[in-house]
All heavy atoms as atom14 arrays in JSON, in Angstrom:
{
  "sequence": "LVAHSQNPIEGALGHLLDAGKAAGSIRADVDAHGVLLLIAYLGRLDRD",
  "atom14_mask": [
    [1, 1, 1, 1, 1, 1, 1, 1, 0, 0, 0, 0, 0, 0],
    [1, 1, 1, 1, 1, 1, 1, 0, 0, 0, 0, 0, 0, 0],
    [1, 1, 1, 1, 1, 0, 0, 0, 0, 0, 0, 0, 0, 0],
    [1, 1, 1, 1, 1, 1, 1, 1, 1, 1, 0, 0, 0, 0],
    [1, 1, 1, 1, 1, 1, 0, 0, 0, 0, 0, 0, 0, 0],
    [1, 1, 1, 1, 1, 1, 1, 1, 1, 0, 0, 0, 0, 0],
    [1, 1, 1, 1, 1, 1, 1, 1, 0, 0, 0, 0, 0, 0],
    [1, 1, 1, 1, 1, 1, 1, 0, 0, 0, 0, 0, 0, 0],
    [1, 1, 1, 1, 1, 1, 1, 1, 0, 0, 0, 0, 0, 0],
    [1, 1, 1, 1, 1, 1, 1, 1, 1, 0, 0, 0, 0, 0],
    [1, 1, 1, 1, 0, 0, 0, 0, 0, 0, 0, 0, 0, 0],
    [1, 1, 1, 1, 1, 0, 0, 0, 0, 0, 0, 0, 0, 0],
    [1, 1, 1, 1, 1, 1, 1, 1, 0, 0, 0, 0, 0, 0],
    [1, 1, 1, 1, 0, 0, 0, 0, 0, 0, 0, 0, 0, 0],
    [1, 1, 1, 1, 1, 1, 1, 1, 1, 1, 0, 0, 0, 0],
    [1, 1, 1, 1, 1, 1, 1, 1, 0, 0, 0, 0, 0, 0],
    [1, 1, 1, 1, 1, 1, 1, 1, 0, 0, 0, 0, 0, 0],
    [1, 1, 1, 1, 1, 1, 1, 1, 0, 0, 0, 0, 0, 0],
    [1, 1, 1, 1, 1, 0, 0, 0, 0, 0, 0, 0, 0, 0],
    [1, 1, 1, 1, 0, 0, 0, 0, 0, 0, 0, 0, 0, 0],
    [1, 1, 1, 1, 1, 1, 1, 1, 1, 0, 0, 0, 0, 0],
    [1, 1, 1, 1, 1, 0, 0, 0, 0, 0, 0, 0, 0, 0],
    [1, 1, 1, 1, 1, 0, 0, 0, 0, 0, 0, 0, 0, 0],
    [1, 1, 1, 1, 0, 0, 0, 0, 0, 0, 0, 0, 0, 0],
    [1, 1, 1, 1, 1, 1, 0, 0, 0, 0, 0, 0, 0, 0],
    [1, 1, 1, 1, 1, 1, 1, 1, 0, 0, 0, 0, 0, 0],
    [1, 1, 1, 1, 1, 1, 1, 1, 1, 1, 1, 0, 0, 0],
    [1, 1, 1, 1, 1, 0, 0, 0, 0, 0, 0, 0, 0, 0],
    [1, 1, 1, 1, 1, 1, 1, 1, 0, 0, 0, 0, 0, 0],
    [1, 1, 1, 1, 1, 1, 1, 0, 0, 0, 0, 0, 0, 0],
    [1, 1, 1, 1, 1, 1, 1, 1, 0, 0, 0, 0, 0, 0],
    [1, 1, 1, 1, 1, 0, 0, 0, 0, 0, 0, 0, 0, 0],
    [1, 1, 1, 1, 1, 1, 1, 1, 1, 1, 0, 0, 0, 0],
    [1, 1, 1, 1, 0, 0, 0, 0, 0, 0, 0, 0, 0, 0],
    [1, 1, 1, 1, 1, 1, 1, 0, 0, 0, 0, 0, 0, 0],
    [1, 1, 1, 1, 1, 1, 1, 1, 0, 0, 0, 0, 0, 0],
    [1, 1, 1, 1, 1, 1, 1, 1, 0, 0, 0, 0, 0, 0],
    [1, 1, 1, 1, 1, 1, 1, 1, 0, 0, 0, 0, 0, 0],
    [1, 1, 1, 1, 1, 1, 1, 1, 0, 0, 0, 0, 0, 0],
    [1, 1, 1, 1, 1, 0, 0, 0, 0, 0, 0, 0, 0, 0],
    [1, 1, 1, 1, 1, 1, 1, 1, 1, 1, 1, 1, 0, 0],
    [1, 1, 1, 1, 1, 1, 1, 1, 0, 0, 0, 0, 0, 0],
    [1, 1, 1, 1, 0, 0, 0, 0, 0, 0, 0, 0, 0, 0],
    [1, 1, 1, 1, 1, 1, 1, 1, 1, 1, 1, 0, 0, 0],
    [1, 1, 1, 1, 1, 1, 1, 1, 0, 0, 0, 0, 0, 0],
    [1, 1, 1, 1, 1, 1, 1, 1, 0, 0, 0, 0, 0, 0],
    [1, 1, 1, 1, 1, 1, 1, 1, 1, 1, 1, 0, 0, 0],
    [1, 1, 1, 1, 1, 1, 1, 1, 0, 0, 0, 0, 0, 0]
  ],
  "atom14_positions": [
    [[-24.22, 106.23, -31.97], [-24.13, 104.94, -32.68], [-24.82, 103.82, -31.9], [-25.56, 103.03, -32.47], [-22.66, 104.56, -32.89], [-21.93, 105.26, -34.02], [-20.45, 104.92, -33.97], [-22.52, 104.89, -35.36], [0.0, 0.0, 0.0], [0.0, 0.0, 0.0], [0.0, 0.0, 0.0], [0.0, 0.0, 0.0], [0.0, 0.0, 0.0], [0.0, 0.0, 0.0]],
    [[-24.58, 103.76, -30.61], [-25.19, 102.71, -29.79], [-26.71, 102.87, -29.78], [-27.44, 101.89, -29.91], [-24.6, 102.73, -28.36], [-25.39, 101.84, -27.43], [-23.14, 102.31, -28.38], [0.0, 0.0, 0.0], [0.0, 0.0, 0.0], [0.0, 0.0, 0.0], [0.0, 0.0, 0.0], [0.0, 0.0, 0.0], [0.0, 0.0, 0.0], [0.0, 0.0, 0.0]],
    [[-27.18, 104.1, -29.65], [-28.62, 104.34, -29.63], [-29.28, 103.89, -30.93], [-30.36, 103.3, -30.92], [-28.9, 105.82, -29.38], [0.0, 0.0, 0.0], [0.0, 0.0, 0.0], [0.0, 0.0, 0.0], [0.0, 0.0, 0.0], [0.0, 0.0, 0.0], [0.0, 0.0, 0.0], [0.0, 0.0, 0.0], [0.0, 0.0, 0.0], [0.0, 0.0, 0.0]],
    [[-28.62, 104.14, -32.06], [-29.19, 103.77, -33.35], [-29.07, 102.28, -33.65], [-29.78, 101.75, -34.5], [-28.56, 104.58, -34.48], [-29.09, 105.97, -34.54], [-28.6, 106.99, -33.76], [-30.1, 106.51, -35.27], [-29.27, 108.1, -34.0], [-30.19, 107.84, -34.91], [0.0, 0.0, 0.0], [0.0, 0.0, 0.0], [0.0, 0.0, 0.0], [0.0, 0.0, 0.0]],
    [[-28.17, 101.58, -32.97], [-28.01, 100.15, -33.23], [-28.88, 99.29, -32.34], [-29.11, 98.12, -32.64], [-26.54, 99.75, -33.08], [-26.12, 99.9, -31.74], [0.0, 0.0, 0.0], [0.0, 0.0, 0.0], [0.0, 0.0, 0.0], [0.0, 0.0, 0.0], [0.0, 0.0, 0.0], [0.0, 0.0, 0.0], [0.0, 0.0, 0.0], [0.0, 0.0, 0.0]],
    [[-29.37, 99.83, -31.25], [-30.12, 99.02, -30.29], [-31.38, 98.4, -30.88], [-31.63, 97.2, -30.72], [-30.48, 99.84, -29.06], [-31.14, 98.99, -27.98], [-31.35, 99.75, -26.69], [-30.86, 100.85, -26.51], [-32.07, 99.14, -25.79], [0.0, 0.0, 0.0], [0.0, 0.0, 0.0], [0.0, 0.0, 0.0], [0.0, 0.0, 0.0], [0.0, 0.0, 0.0]],
    [[-32.2, 99.17, -31.58], [-33.44, 98.62, -32.14], [-33.19, 97.52, -33.17], [-33.86, 96.48, -33.12], [-34.31, 99.72, -32.71], [-34.99, 100.53, -31.62], [-35.11, 100.09, -30.49], [-35.43, 101.73, -31.97], [0.0, 0.0, 0.0], [0.0, 0.0, 0.0], [0.0, 0.0, 0.0], [0.0, 0.0, 0.0], [0.0, 0.0, 0.0], [0.0, 0.0, 0.0]],
    [[-32.27, 97.7, -34.13], [-32.04, 96.6, -35.07], [-31.51, 95.34, -34.39], [-31.92, 94.23, -34.74], [-31.01, 97.17, -36.05], [-31.12, 98.64, -35.93], [-31.54, 98.92, -34.52], [0.0, 0.0, 0.0], [0.0, 0.0, 0.0], [0.0, 0.0, 0.0], [0.0, 0.0, 0.0], [0.0, 0.0, 0.0], [0.0, 0.0, 0.0], [0.0, 0.0, 0.0]],
    [[-30.63, 95.5, -33.42], [-30.11, 94.32, -32.72], [-31.22, 93.66, -31.91], [-31.35, 92.43, -31.92], [-28.9, 94.72, -31.83], [-27.72, 95.1, -32.72], [-28.54, 93.59, -30.87], [-26.54, 95.67, -31.96], [0.0, 0.0, 0.0], [0.0, 0.0, 0.0], [0.0, 0.0, 0.0], [0.0, 0.0, 0.0], [0.0, 0.0, 0.0], [0.0, 0.0, 0.0]],
    [[-32.02, 94.45, -31.25], [-33.15, 93.9, -30.5], [-34.12, 93.17, -31.43], [-34.64, 92.1, -31.09], [-33.87, 95.01, -29.74], [-34.86, 94.52, -28.73], [-35.4, 95.63, -27.83], [-34.59, 96.41, -27.28], [-36.64, 95.7, -27.69], [0.0, 0.0, 0.0], [0.0, 0.0, 0.0], [0.0, 0.0, 0.0], [0.0, 0.0, 0.0], [0.0, 0.0, 0.0]],
    [[-34.34, 93.71, -32.6], [-35.21, 93.06, -33.58], [-34.66, 91.73, -34.04], [-35.4, 90.74, -34.17], [0.0, 0.0, 0.0], [0.0, 0.0, 0.0], [0.0, 0.0, 0.0], [0.0, 0.0, 0.0], [0.0, 0.0, 0.0], [0.0, 0.0, 0.0], [0.0, 0.0, 0.0], [0.0, 0.0, 0.0], [0.0, 0.0, 0.0], [0.0, 0.0, 0.0]],
    [[-33.35, 91.67, -34.28], [-32.72, 90.42, -34.71], [-32.82, 89.37, -33.61], [-33.15, 88.2, -33.87], [-31.26, 90.67, -35.08], [0.0, 0.0, 0.0], [0.0, 0.0, 0.0], [0.0, 0.0, 0.0], [0.0, 0.0, 0.0], [0.0, 0.0, 0.0], [0.0, 0.0, 0.0], [0.0, 0.0, 0.0], [0.0, 0.0, 0.0], [0.0, 0.0, 0.0]],
    [[-32.56, 89.77, -32.38], [-32.68, 88.84, -31.26], [-34.13, 88.4, -31.09], [-34.4, 87.21, -30.86], [-32.15, 89.5, -29.99], [-32.27, 88.67, -28.71], [-31.59, 87.31, -28.85], [-31.69, 89.45, -27.53], [0.0, 0.0, 0.0], [0.0, 0.0, 0.0], [0.0, 0.0, 0.0], [0.0, 0.0, 0.0], [0.0, 0.0, 0.0], [0.0, 0.0, 0.0]],
    [[-35.07, 89.31, -31.24], [-36.48, 88.97, -31.15], [-36.88, 87.93, -32.19], [-37.66, 87.01, -31.91], [0.0, 0.0, 0.0], [0.0, 0.0, 0.0], [0.0, 0.0, 0.0], [0.0, 0.0, 0.0], [0.0, 0.0, 0.0], [0.0, 0.0, 0.0], [0.0, 0.0, 0.0], [0.0, 0.0, 0.0], [0.0, 0.0, 0.0], [0.0, 0.0, 0.0]],
    [[-36.34, 88.07, -33.39], [-36.6, 87.12, -34.47], [-36.13, 85.71, -34.07], [-36.85, 84.72, -34.25], [-35.88, 87.61, -35.73], [-36.08, 86.79, -36.95], [-37.31, 86.54, -37.51], [-35.17, 86.16, -37.73], [-37.16, 85.8, -38.59], [-35.87, 85.55, -38.74], [0.0, 0.0, 0.0], [0.0, 0.0, 0.0], [0.0, 0.0, 0.0], [0.0, 0.0, 0.0]],
    [[-34.94, 85.63, -33.49], [-34.41, 84.35, -33.04], [-35.24, 83.77, -31.89], [-35.56, 82.58, -31.87], [-32.95, 84.51, -32.6], [-31.95, 84.75, -33.73], [-30.69, 85.41, -33.21], [-31.62, 83.43, -34.42], [0.0, 0.0, 0.0], [0.0, 0.0, 0.0], [0.0, 0.0, 0.0], [0.0, 0.0, 0.0], [0.0, 0.0, 0.0], [0.0, 0.0, 0.0]],
    [[-35.59, 84.61, -30.94], [-36.39, 84.14, -29.8], [-37.76, 83.67, -30.25], [-38.26, 82.63, -29.79], [-36.52, 85.24, -28.75], [-35.24, 85.66, -28.02], [-35.51, 86.85, -27.13], [-34.66, 84.49, -27.22], [0.0, 0.0, 0.0], [0.0, 0.0, 0.0], [0.0, 0.0, 0.0], [0.0, 0.0, 0.0], [0.0, 0.0, 0.0], [0.0, 0.0, 0.0]],
    [[-38.39, 84.43, -31.16], [-39.71, 84.04, -31.66], [-39.67, 82.7, -32.37], [-40.58, 81.87, -32.21], [-40.27, 85.12, -32.6], [-40.68, 86.38, -31.85], [-40.79, 86.35, -30.61], [-40.87, 87.42, -32.54], [0.0, 0.0, 0.0], [0.0, 0.0, 0.0], [0.0, 0.0, 0.0], [0.0, 0.0, 0.0], [0.0, 0.0, 0.0], [0.0, 0.0, 0.0]],
    [[-38.61, 82.45, -33.13], [-38.48, 81.16, -33.82], [-38.34, 80.04, -32.8], [-38.93, 78.97, -32.95], [-37.27, 81.18, -34.77], [0.0, 0.0, 0.0], [0.0, 0.0, 0.0], [0.0, 0.0, 0.0], [0.0, 0.0, 0.0], [0.0, 0.0, 0.0], [0.0, 0.0, 0.0], [0.0, 0.0, 0.0], [0.0, 0.0, 0.0], [0.0, 0.0, 0.0]],
    [[-37.57, 80.28, -31.74], [-37.41, 79.28, -30.69], [-38.7, 79.04, -29.92], [-39.02, 77.91, -29.56], [0.0, 0.0, 0.0], [0.0, 0.0, 0.0], [0.0, 0.0, 0.0], [0.0, 0.0, 0.0], [0.0, 0.0, 0.0], [0.0, 0.0, 0.0], [0.0, 0.0, 0.0], [0.0, 0.0, 0.0], [0.0, 0.0, 0.0], [0.0, 0.0, 0.0]],
    [[-39.44, 80.11, -29.68], [-40.73, 79.96, -28.99], [-41.7, 79.16, -29.86], [-42.4, 78.27, -29.36], [-41.32, 81.33, -28.68], [-40.58, 82.07, -27.59], [-41.14, 83.48, -27.45], [-40.31, 84.33, -26.51], [-40.85, 85.69, -26.37], [0.0, 0.0, 0.0], [0.0, 0.0, 0.0], [0.0, 0.0, 0.0], [0.0, 0.0, 0.0], [0.0, 0.0, 0.0]],
    [[-41.73, 79.45, -31.14], [-42.63, 78.73, -32.06], [-42.25, 77.26, -32.14], [-43.12, 76.4, -32.28], [-42.58, 79.37, -33.45], [0.0, 0.0, 0.0], [0.0, 0.0, 0.0], [0.0, 0.0, 0.0], [0.0, 0.0, 0.0], [0.0, 0.0, 0.0], [0.0, 0.0, 0.0], [0.0, 0.0, 0.0], [0.0, 0.0, 0.0], [0.0, 0.0, 0.0]],
    [[-40.97, 76.95, -32.03], [-40.51, 75.56, -32.08], [-40.66, 74.88, -30.73], [-40.45, 73.66, -30.62], [-39.05, 75.51, -32.54], [0.0, 0.0, 0.0], [0.0, 0.0, 0.0], [0.0, 0.0, 0.0], [0.0, 0.0, 0.0], [0.0, 0.0, 0.0], [0.0, 0.0, 0.0], [0.0, 0.0, 0.0], [0.0, 0.0, 0.0], [0.0, 0.0, 0.0]],
    [[-40.97, 75.64, -29.69], [-41.13, 75.07, -28.37], [-39.82, 74.87, -27.61], [-39.8, 74.19, -26.59], [0.0, 0.0, 0.0], [0.0, 0.0, 0.0], [0.0, 0.0, 0.0], [0.0, 0.0, 0.0], [0.0, 0.0, 0.0], [0.0, 0.0, 0.0], [0.0, 0.0, 0.0], [0.0, 0.0, 0.0], [0.0, 0.0, 0.0], [0.0, 0.0, 0.0]],
    [[-38.75, 75.46, -28.07], [-37.45, 75.25, -27.42], [-36.98, 76.44, -26.58], [-36.03, 76.3, -25.81], [-36.39, 74.91, -28.47], [-36.34, 75.91, -29.48], [0.0, 0.0, 0.0], [0.0, 0.0, 0.0], [0.0, 0.0, 0.0], [0.0, 0.0, 0.0], [0.0, 0.0, 0.0], [0.0, 0.0, 0.0], [0.0, 0.0, 0.0], [0.0, 0.0, 0.0]],
    [[-37.63, 77.59, -26.72], [-37.28, 78.79, -25.96], [-38.45, 79.16, -25.06], [-39.62, 79.07, -25.47], [-36.93, 79.97, -26.89], [-35.71, 79.66, -27.76], [-36.73, 81.27, -26.11], [-34.39, 79.57, -27.01], [0.0, 0.0, 0.0], [0.0, 0.0, 0.0], [0.0, 0.0, 0.0], [0.0, 0.0, 0.0], [0.0, 0.0, 0.0], [0.0, 0.0, 0.0]],
    [[-38.16, 79.58, -23.86], [-39.19, 79.99, -22.9], [-40.08, 81.08, -23.49], [-39.61, 81.96, -24.21], [-38.53, 80.55, -21.64], [-37.7, 79.56, -20.89], [-36.86, 80.24, -19.85], [-37.65, 81.13, -19.01], [-37.38, 81.38, -17.75], [-36.34, 80.8, -17.18], [-38.12, 82.2, -17.05], [0.0, 0.0, 0.0], [0.0, 0.0, 0.0], [0.0, 0.0, 0.0]],
    [[-41.34, 81.03, -23.18], [-42.3, 81.99, -23.7], [-42.31, 83.29, -22.9], [-42.83, 84.3, -23.37], [-43.7, 81.38, -23.71], [0.0, 0.0, 0.0], [0.0, 0.0, 0.0], [0.0, 0.0, 0.0], [0.0, 0.0, 0.0], [0.0, 0.0, 0.0], [0.0, 0.0, 0.0], [0.0, 0.0, 0.0], [0.0, 0.0, 0.0], [0.0, 0.0, 0.0]],
    [[-41.72, 83.29, -21.71], [-41.81, 84.46, -20.83], [-40.61, 85.4, -20.94], [-40.39, 86.22, -20.05], [-41.99, 84.01, -19.38], [-40.8, 83.2, -18.86], [-40.02, 82.67, -19.68], [-40.66, 83.09, -17.63], [0.0, 0.0, 0.0], [0.0, 0.0, 0.0], [0.0, 0.0, 0.0], [0.0, 0.0, 0.0], [0.0, 0.0, 0.0], [0.0, 0.0, 0.0]],
    [[-39.85, 85.31, -22.02], [-38.7, 86.2, -22.21], [-38.91, 87.03, -23.47], [-39.61, 86.62, -24.39], [-37.37, 85.44, -22.3], [-37.07, 84.7, -21.02], [-37.36, 84.48, -23.48], [0.0, 0.0, 0.0], [0.0, 0.0, 0.0], [0.0, 0.0, 0.0], [0.0, 0.0, 0.0], [0.0, 0.0, 0.0], [0.0, 0.0, 0.0], [0.0, 0.0, 0.0]],
    [[-38.32, 88.21, -23.47], [-38.35, 89.02, -24.68], [-36.95, 89.55, -24.97], [-36.04, 89.46, -24.14], [-39.37, 90.17, -24.57], [-39.03, 91.19, -23.5], [-37.92, 91.16, -22.94], [-39.89, 92.04, -23.23], [0.0, 0.0, 0.0], [0.0, 0.0, 0.0], [0.0, 0.0, 0.0], [0.0, 0.0, 0.0], [0.0, 0.0, 0.0], [0.0, 0.0, 0.0]],
    [[-36.79, 90.08, -26.16], [-35.47, 90.52, -26.62], [-34.92, 91.64, -25.74], [-33.72, 91.66, -25.44], [-35.54, 90.96, -28.08], [0.0, 0.0, 0.0], [0.0, 0.0, 0.0], [0.0, 0.0, 0.0], [0.0, 0.0, 0.0], [0.0, 0.0, 0.0], [0.0, 0.0, 0.0], [0.0, 0.0, 0.0], [0.0, 0.0, 0.0], [0.0, 0.0, 0.0]],
    [[-35.77, 92.55, -25.34], [-35.29, 93.66, -24.52], [-34.68, 93.15, -23.21], [-33.6, 93.58, -22.81], [-36.43, 94.65, -24.24], [-36.01, 95.83, -23.45], [-35.24, 96.85, -23.98], [-36.21, 96.15, -22.15], [-35.0, 97.75, -23.05], [-35.58, 97.35, -21.93], [0.0, 0.0, 0.0], [0.0, 0.0, 0.0], [0.0, 0.0, 0.0], [0.0, 0.0, 0.0]],
    [[-35.37, 92.23, -22.56], [-34.85, 91.67, -21.31], [-33.55, 90.93, -21.5], [-32.63, 91.04, -20.68], [0.0, 0.0, 0.0], [0.0, 0.0, 0.0], [0.0, 0.0, 0.0], [0.0, 0.0, 0.0], [0.0, 0.0, 0.0], [0.0, 0.0, 0.0], [0.0, 0.0, 0.0], [0.0, 0.0, 0.0], [0.0, 0.0, 0.0], [0.0, 0.0, 0.0]],
    [[-33.46, 90.16, -22.58], [-32.22, 89.41, -22.84], [-31.08, 90.39, -23.13], [-29.96, 90.19, -22.65], [-32.42, 88.41, -24.0], [-31.1, 87.74, -24.37], [-33.47, 87.37, -23.62], [0.0, 0.0, 0.0], [0.0, 0.0, 0.0], [0.0, 0.0, 0.0], [0.0, 0.0, 0.0], [0.0, 0.0, 0.0], [0.0, 0.0, 0.0], [0.0, 0.0, 0.0]],
    [[-31.35, 91.45, -23.86], [-30.3, 92.45, -24.12], [-29.84, 93.11, -22.83], [-28.65, 93.43, -22.69], [-30.77, 93.5, -25.11], [-30.77, 93.06, -26.57], [-31.27, 94.19, -27.47], [-29.38, 92.61, -27.01], [0.0, 0.0, 0.0], [0.0, 0.0, 0.0], [0.0, 0.0, 0.0], [0.0, 0.0, 0.0], [0.0, 0.0, 0.0], [0.0, 0.0, 0.0]],
    [[-30.74, 93.33, -21.9], [-30.32, 93.89, -20.6], [-29.34, 92.95, -19.91], [-28.34, 93.39, -19.34], [-31.54, 94.13, -19.71], [-32.43, 95.3, -20.1], [-33.68, 95.33, -19.21], [-31.68, 96.62, -20.02], [0.0, 0.0, 0.0], [0.0, 0.0, 0.0], [0.0, 0.0, 0.0], [0.0, 0.0, 0.0], [0.0, 0.0, 0.0], [0.0, 0.0, 0.0]],
    [[-29.62, 91.65, -19.94], [-28.7, 90.68, -19.35], [-27.34, 90.7, -20.05], [-26.3, 90.72, -19.41], [-29.28, 89.26, -19.43], [-30.44, 88.93, -18.52], [-31.02, 87.58, -18.89], [-29.99, 88.95, -17.07], [0.0, 0.0, 0.0], [0.0, 0.0, 0.0], [0.0, 0.0, 0.0], [0.0, 0.0, 0.0], [0.0, 0.0, 0.0], [0.0, 0.0, 0.0]],
    [[-27.38, 90.69, -21.37], [-26.15, 90.67, -22.16], [-25.33, 91.94, -21.94], [-24.11, 91.92, -21.92], [-26.48, 90.46, -23.65], [-27.05, 89.05, -23.87], [-25.24, 90.65, -24.51], [-27.6, 88.84, -25.27], [0.0, 0.0, 0.0], [0.0, 0.0, 0.0], [0.0, 0.0, 0.0], [0.0, 0.0, 0.0], [0.0, 0.0, 0.0], [0.0, 0.0, 0.0]],
    [[-26.01, 93.06, -21.74], [-25.32, 94.33, -21.57], [-24.36, 94.31, -20.38], [-23.33, 95.0, -20.39], [-26.33, 95.47, -21.42], [0.0, 0.0, 0.0], [0.0, 0.0, 0.0], [0.0, 0.0, 0.0], [0.0, 0.0, 0.0], [0.0, 0.0, 0.0], [0.0, 0.0, 0.0], [0.0, 0.0, 0.0], [0.0, 0.0, 0.0], [0.0, 0.0, 0.0]],
    [[-24.67, 93.51, -19.39], [-23.78, 93.45, -18.24], [-22.43, 92.83, -18.56], [-21.47, 93.01, -17.81], [-24.46, 92.73, -17.06], [-25.33, 93.68, -16.29], [-26.69, 93.77, -16.55], [-24.79, 94.53, -15.34], [-27.48, 94.66, -15.88], [-25.58, 95.43, -14.66], [-26.93, 95.49, -14.93], [-27.71, 96.39, -14.26], [0.0, 0.0, 0.0], [0.0, 0.0, 0.0]],
    [[-22.33, 92.14, -19.67], [-21.02, 91.64, -20.09], [-20.06, 92.81, -20.33], [-18.85, 92.66, -20.22], [-21.13, 90.78, -21.35], [-21.81, 89.43, -21.18], [-21.95, 88.74, -22.54], [-21.06, 88.56, -20.21], [0.0, 0.0, 0.0], [0.0, 0.0, 0.0], [0.0, 0.0, 0.0], [0.0, 0.0, 0.0], [0.0, 0.0, 0.0], [0.0, 0.0, 0.0]],
    [[-20.61, 93.97, -20.67], [-19.78, 95.16, -20.88], [-19.06, 95.61, -19.62], [-18.13, 96.41, -19.69], [0.0, 0.0, 0.0], [0.0, 0.0, 0.0], [0.0, 0.0, 0.0], [0.0, 0.0, 0.0], [0.0, 0.0, 0.0], [0.0, 0.0, 0.0], [0.0, 0.0, 0.0], [0.0, 0.0, 0.0], [0.0, 0.0, 0.0], [0.0, 0.0, 0.0]],
    [[-19.44, 95.1, -18.47], [-18.79, 95.45, -17.22], [-17.54, 94.62, -16.96], [-16.79, 94.89, -16.03], [-19.74, 95.3, -16.05], [-20.87, 96.3, -16.1], [-21.81, 96.08, -14.94], [-22.85, 97.08, -14.95], [-22.93, 98.06, -14.04], [-22.04, 98.15, -13.1], [-23.9, 98.93, -14.12], [0.0, 0.0, 0.0], [0.0, 0.0, 0.0], [0.0, 0.0, 0.0]],
    [[-17.33, 93.59, -17.78], [-16.13, 92.76, -17.61], [-14.89, 93.58, -17.93], [-14.88, 94.38, -18.87], [-16.17, 91.56, -18.56], [-17.2, 90.49, -18.29], [-17.2, 89.46, -19.42], [-16.95, 89.82, -16.96], [0.0, 0.0, 0.0], [0.0, 0.0, 0.0], [0.0, 0.0, 0.0], [0.0, 0.0, 0.0], [0.0, 0.0, 0.0], [0.0, 0.0, 0.0]],
    [[-13.84, 93.36, -17.15], [-12.56, 93.98, -17.46], [-11.99, 93.31, -18.71], [-12.24, 92.13, -18.96], [-11.57, 93.79, -16.3], [-11.95, 94.62, -15.09], [-12.59, 95.68, -15.25], [-11.59, 94.19, -13.97], [0.0, 0.0, 0.0], [0.0, 0.0, 0.0], [0.0, 0.0, 0.0], [0.0, 0.0, 0.0], [0.0, 0.0, 0.0], [0.0, 0.0, 0.0]],
    [[-11.2, 94.05, -19.45], [-10.63, 93.51, -20.69], [-9.82, 92.23, -20.43], [-9.83, 91.32, -21.24], [-9.73, 94.56, -21.37], [-10.46, 95.81, -21.83], [-11.44, 95.55, -22.94], [-10.72, 95.31, -24.17], [-11.22, 94.66, -25.2], [-12.44, 94.19, -25.15], [-10.53, 94.47, -26.28], [0.0, 0.0, 0.0], [0.0, 0.0, 0.0], [0.0, 0.0, 0.0]],
    [[-9.13, 92.15, -19.31], [-8.29, 90.99, -19.05], [-9.09, 89.74, -18.67], [-8.56, 88.64, -18.71], [-7.23, 91.3, -17.98], [-7.83, 91.68, -16.64], [-9.01, 92.07, -16.58], [-7.09, 91.58, -15.64], [0.0, 0.0, 0.0], [0.0, 0.0, 0.0], [0.0, 0.0, 0.0], [0.0, 0.0, 0.0], [0.0, 0.0, 0.0], [0.0, 0.0, 0.0]]
  ]
}
C-alpha cells in the first residue's frame, strides 16, 4: 500500500511546490521527493 501511494502523493506535493515556485513564494531548489524524505522522518515520532 505504501509503495503504491508514494507516487500519487509525491505528484500532489509536486503540484503544490510548482505552483509556489511559479508564484515566486517557494524555493526553486527543492523537489517533492526531497520534501517527502523530510516529512517521512515524522514517522519516527513516538505516539505520545
